[in-house]
């Protein structure tokens, strides 16, 4: 079963086999930023900002224009969705911290895992 991994910038960290990096600026990066979540959505903590970005990404990637609209948003979403097959069966790596056991995963990579690997 594919999993979400935390990408690291530490010396010696290597991307594991069967893993795709989904950070910005990859085609799979989350267009919603933590700074934007603080500025426009009123997030007050890093966790609130991650949750807001996750929520906006999940809504947007599934077709909502509530968070980002216009030709650029539609083209970016289409490009991402057209590439989902590349993620099927792969682990996904992002810089977001991994959740504690039993806690929800507020990373866009968790959304991508679900979309790329439907049950």
C-alpha atoms as a PDB file:
ATOM      1  CA  UNK A   1       0.000   0.000   0.000  1.00  0.00           C
ATOM      2  CA  UNK A   2       1.474   3.387  -0.960  1.00  0.00           C
ATOM      3  CA  UNK A   3       2.267   5.767   1.891  1.00  0.00           C
ATOM      4  CA  UNK A   4       3.031   9.423   2.477  1.00  0.00           C
ATOM      5  CA  UNK A   5       6.610  10.125   3.451  1.00  0.00           C
ATOM      6  CA  UNK A   6       8.162  13.275   4.854  1.00  0.00           C
ATOM      7  CA  UNK A   7      10.768  14.710   2.539  1.00  0.00           C
ATOM      8  CA  UNK A   8      13.871  15.919   4.356  1.00  0.00           C
ATOM      9  CA  UNK A   9      16.598  18.409   3.606  1.00  0.00           C
ATOM     10  CA  UNK A  10      19.036  16.757   5.986  1.00  0.00           C
ATOM     11  CA  UNK A  11      22.418  15.508   4.863  1.00  0.00           C
ATOM     12  CA  UNK A  12      22.240  11.934   3.705  1.00  0.00           C
ATOM     13  CA  UNK A  13      18.474  11.814   3.126  1.00  0.00           C
ATOM     14  CA  UNK A  14      17.645   9.989  -0.081  1.00  0.00           C
ATOM     15  CA  UNK A  15      14.314   9.591  -1.761  1.00  0.00           C
ATOM     16  CA  UNK A  16      13.270   5.956  -1.302  1.00  0.00           C
ATOM     17  CA  UNK A  17      12.612   3.799  -4.343  1.00  0.00           C
ATOM     18  CA  UNK A  18       9.035   3.862  -5.633  1.00  0.00           C
ATOM     19  CA  UNK A  19       8.552   7.410  -4.301  1.00  0.00           C
ATOM     20  CA  UNK A  20       7.423  10.555  -6.119  1.00  0.00           C
ATOM     21  CA  UNK A  21       8.203  14.031  -4.762  1.00  0.00           C
ATOM     22  CA  UNK A  22       4.976  16.081  -4.779  1.00  0.00           C
ATOM     23  CA  UNK A  23       6.268  19.368  -3.350  1.00  0.00           C
ATOM     24  CA  UNK A  24       6.206  22.700  -5.126  1.00  0.00           C
ATOM     25  CA  UNK A  25       7.245  23.266  -7.927  1.00  0.00           C
ATOM     26  CA  UNK A  26       6.323  19.779  -9.168  1.00  0.00           C
ATOM     27  CA  UNK A  27       3.126  19.442 -11.170  1.00  0.00           C
ATOM     28  CA  UNK A  28       1.605  17.868  -8.050  1.00  0.00           C
ATOM     29  CA  UNK A  29       2.519  20.659  -5.612  1.00  0.00           C
ATOM     30  CA  UNK A  30      -0.170  22.306  -3.500  1.00  0.00           C
ATOM     31  CA  UNK A  31      -0.888  25.780  -4.933  1.00  0.00           C
ATOM     32  CA  UNK A  32      -2.250  26.891  -1.534  1.00  0.00           C
ATOM     33  CA  UNK A  33       0.495  28.217   0.739  1.00  0.00           C
ATOM     34  CA  UNK A  34       0.801  28.430   4.514  1.00  0.00           C
ATOM     35  CA  UNK A  35       1.374  32.187   4.198  1.00  0.00           C
ATOM     36  CA  UNK A  36      -1.836  32.488   2.197  1.00  0.00           C
ATOM     37  CA  UNK A  37      -3.742  30.502   4.809  1.00  0.00           C
ATOM     38  CA  UNK A  38      -2.578  32.952   7.474  1.00  0.00           C
ATOM     39  CA  UNK A  39      -3.262  36.042   5.361  1.00  0.00           C
ATOM     40  CA  UNK A  40      -6.573  35.109   3.725  1.00  0.00           C
ATOM     41  CA  UNK A  41      -8.059  32.392   5.887  1.00  0.00           C
ATOM     42  CA  UNK A  42      -7.091  33.645   9.340  1.00  0.00           C
ATOM     43  CA  UNK A  43      -5.013  30.642  10.398  1.00  0.00           C
ATOM     44  CA  UNK A  44      -3.190  31.457  13.635  1.00  0.00           C
ATOM     45  CA  UNK A  45      -0.918  28.428  14.062  1.00  0.00           C
ATOM     46  CA  UNK A  46       1.136  26.316  11.654  1.00  0.00           C
ATOM     47  CA  UNK A  47      -1.253  23.392  12.230  1.00  0.00           C
ATOM     48  CA  UNK A  48      -4.280  25.578  11.409  1.00  0.00           C
ATOM     49  CA  UNK A  49      -2.500  26.786   8.274  1.00  0.00           C
ATOM     50  CA  UNK A  50      -1.717  23.204   7.163  1.00  0.00           C
ATOM     51  CA  UNK A  51      -5.327  22.193   7.817  1.00  0.00           C
ATOM     52  CA  UNK A  52      -6.637  25.172   5.806  1.00  0.00           C
ATOM     53  CA  UNK A  53      -4.290  24.427   2.889  1.00  0.00           C
ATOM     54  CA  UNK A  54      -5.313  20.757   2.963  1.00  0.00           C
ATOM     55  CA  UNK A  55      -9.005  21.680   2.971  1.00  0.00           C
ATOM     56  CA  UNK A  56      -8.587  24.193   0.126  1.00  0.00           C
ATOM     57  CA  UNK A  57      -6.547  21.737  -1.959  1.00  0.00           C
ATOM     58  CA  UNK A  58      -9.000  18.884  -1.412  1.00  0.00           C
ATOM     59  CA  UNK A  59     -11.935  21.062  -2.425  1.00  0.00           C
ATOM     60  CA  UNK A  60     -10.145  22.636  -5.397  1.00  0.00           C
ATOM     61  CA  UNK A  61      -8.715  19.421  -6.852  1.00  0.00           C
ATOM     62  CA  UNK A  62     -12.208  17.883  -6.783  1.00  0.00           C
ATOM     63  CA  UNK A  63     -13.615  20.736  -8.872  1.00  0.00           C
ATOM     64  CA  UNK A  64     -14.545  23.581  -6.534  1.00  0.00           C
ATOM     65  CA  UNK A  65     -13.725  27.135  -7.580  1.00  0.00           C
ATOM     66  CA  UNK A  66     -14.341  28.475  -4.061  1.00  0.00           C
ATOM     67  CA  UNK A  67     -10.629  28.827  -3.264  1.00  0.00           C
ATOM     68  CA  UNK A  68      -9.068  29.570  -6.649  1.00  0.00           C
ATOM     69  CA  UNK A  69     -10.797  30.274  -9.933  1.00  0.00           C
ATOM     70  CA  UNK A  70     -10.063  31.340 -13.456  1.00  0.00           C
ATOM     71  CA  UNK A  71      -8.213  29.939 -16.456  1.00  0.00           C
ATOM     72  CA  UNK A  72      -4.916  29.442 -14.588  1.00  0.00           C
ATOM     73  CA  UNK A  73      -6.632  27.493 -11.800  1.00  0.00           C
ATOM     74  CA  UNK A  74      -8.502  25.304 -14.277  1.00  0.00           C
ATOM     75  CA  UNK A  75      -5.355  24.616 -16.328  1.00  0.00           C
ATOM     76  CA  UNK A  76      -3.324  23.788 -13.206  1.00  0.00           C
ATOM     77  CA  UNK A  77      -6.031  21.424 -11.937  1.00  0.00           C
ATOM     78  CA  UNK A  78      -6.306  19.695 -15.334  1.00  0.00           C
ATOM     79  CA  UNK A  79      -2.524  19.242 -15.524  1.00  0.00           C
ATOM     80  CA  UNK A  80      -2.467  17.725 -12.040  1.00  0.00           C
ATOM     81  CA  UNK A  81      -5.427  15.409 -12.650  1.00  0.00           C
ATOM     82  CA  UNK A  82      -4.068  14.305 -16.042  1.00  0.00           C
ATOM     83  CA  UNK A  83      -0.917  13.110 -14.266  1.00  0.00           C
ATOM     84  CA  UNK A  84      -2.565  11.186 -11.412  1.00  0.00           C
ATOM     85  CA  UNK A  85      -1.847   7.875 -13.134  1.00  0.00           C
ATOM     86  CA  UNK A  86       1.878   8.570 -12.545  1.00  0.00           C
ATOM     87  CA  UNK A  87       1.245   8.426  -8.777  1.00  0.00           C
ATOM     88  CA  UNK A  88      -0.700   5.154  -8.720  1.00  0.00           C
ATOM     89  CA  UNK A  89       1.055   2.629  -6.506  1.00  0.00           C
ATOM     90  CA  UNK A  90       3.807   5.077  -5.519  1.00  0.00           C
ATOM     91  CA  UNK A  91       4.775   6.551  -2.158  1.00  0.00           C
ATOM     92  CA  UNK A  92       4.451  10.340  -2.092  1.00  0.00           C
ATOM     93  CA  UNK A  93       6.941  12.656  -0.391  1.00  0.00           C
ATOM     94  CA  UNK A  94       6.170  16.172   0.861  1.00  0.00           C
ATOM     95  CA  UNK A  95       7.767  18.447   3.471  1.00  0.00           C
ATOM     96  CA  UNK A  96       4.654  18.468   5.682  1.00  0.00           C
ATOM     97  CA  UNK A  97       5.217  16.749   9.030  1.00  0.00           C
ATOM     98  CA  UNK A  98       3.691  13.305   9.396  1.00  0.00           C
ATOM     99  CA  UNK A  99       0.641  13.136  11.672  1.00  0.00           C
ATOM    100  CA  UNK A 100       0.729  11.520  15.076  1.00  0.00           C
ATOM    101  CA  UNK A 101      -0.851   8.027  15.129  1.00  0.00           C
ATOM    102  CA  UNK A 102      -4.635   8.308  14.985  1.00  0.00           C
ATOM    103  CA  UNK A 103      -4.561  11.958  13.877  1.00  0.00           C
ATOM    104  CA  UNK A 104      -5.746  13.207  10.467  1.00  0.00           C
ATOM    105  CA  UNK A 105      -3.138  13.891   7.808  1.00  0.00           C
ATOM    106  CA  UNK A 106      -3.366  17.563   6.792  1.00  0.00           C
ATOM    107  CA  UNK A 107      -1.099  17.279   3.766  1.00  0.00           C
ATOM    108  CA  UNK A 108      -2.130  17.555   0.134  1.00  0.00           C
ATOM    109  CA  UNK A 109      -0.135  14.365  -0.527  1.00  0.00           C
ATOM    110  CA  UNK A 110      -2.715  12.441   1.518  1.00  0.00           C
ATOM    111  CA  UNK A 111      -5.392  13.724  -0.883  1.00  0.00           C
ATOM    112  CA  UNK A 112      -3.263  12.728  -3.870  1.00  0.00           C
ATOM    113  CA  UNK A 113      -2.772   9.221  -2.445  1.00  0.00           C
ATOM    114  CA  UNK A 114      -6.533   8.789  -2.172  1.00  0.00           C
ATOM    115  CA  UNK A 115      -7.195  10.099  -5.682  1.00  0.00           C
ATOM    116  CA  UNK A 116      -4.407   8.084  -7.314  1.00  0.00           C
ATOM    117  CA  UNK A 117      -5.229   4.829  -5.506  1.00  0.00           C
ATOM    118  CA  UNK A 118      -9.009   4.467  -5.342  1.00  0.00           C
ATOM    119  CA  UNK A 119     -10.195   1.314  -3.620  1.00  0.00           C
END
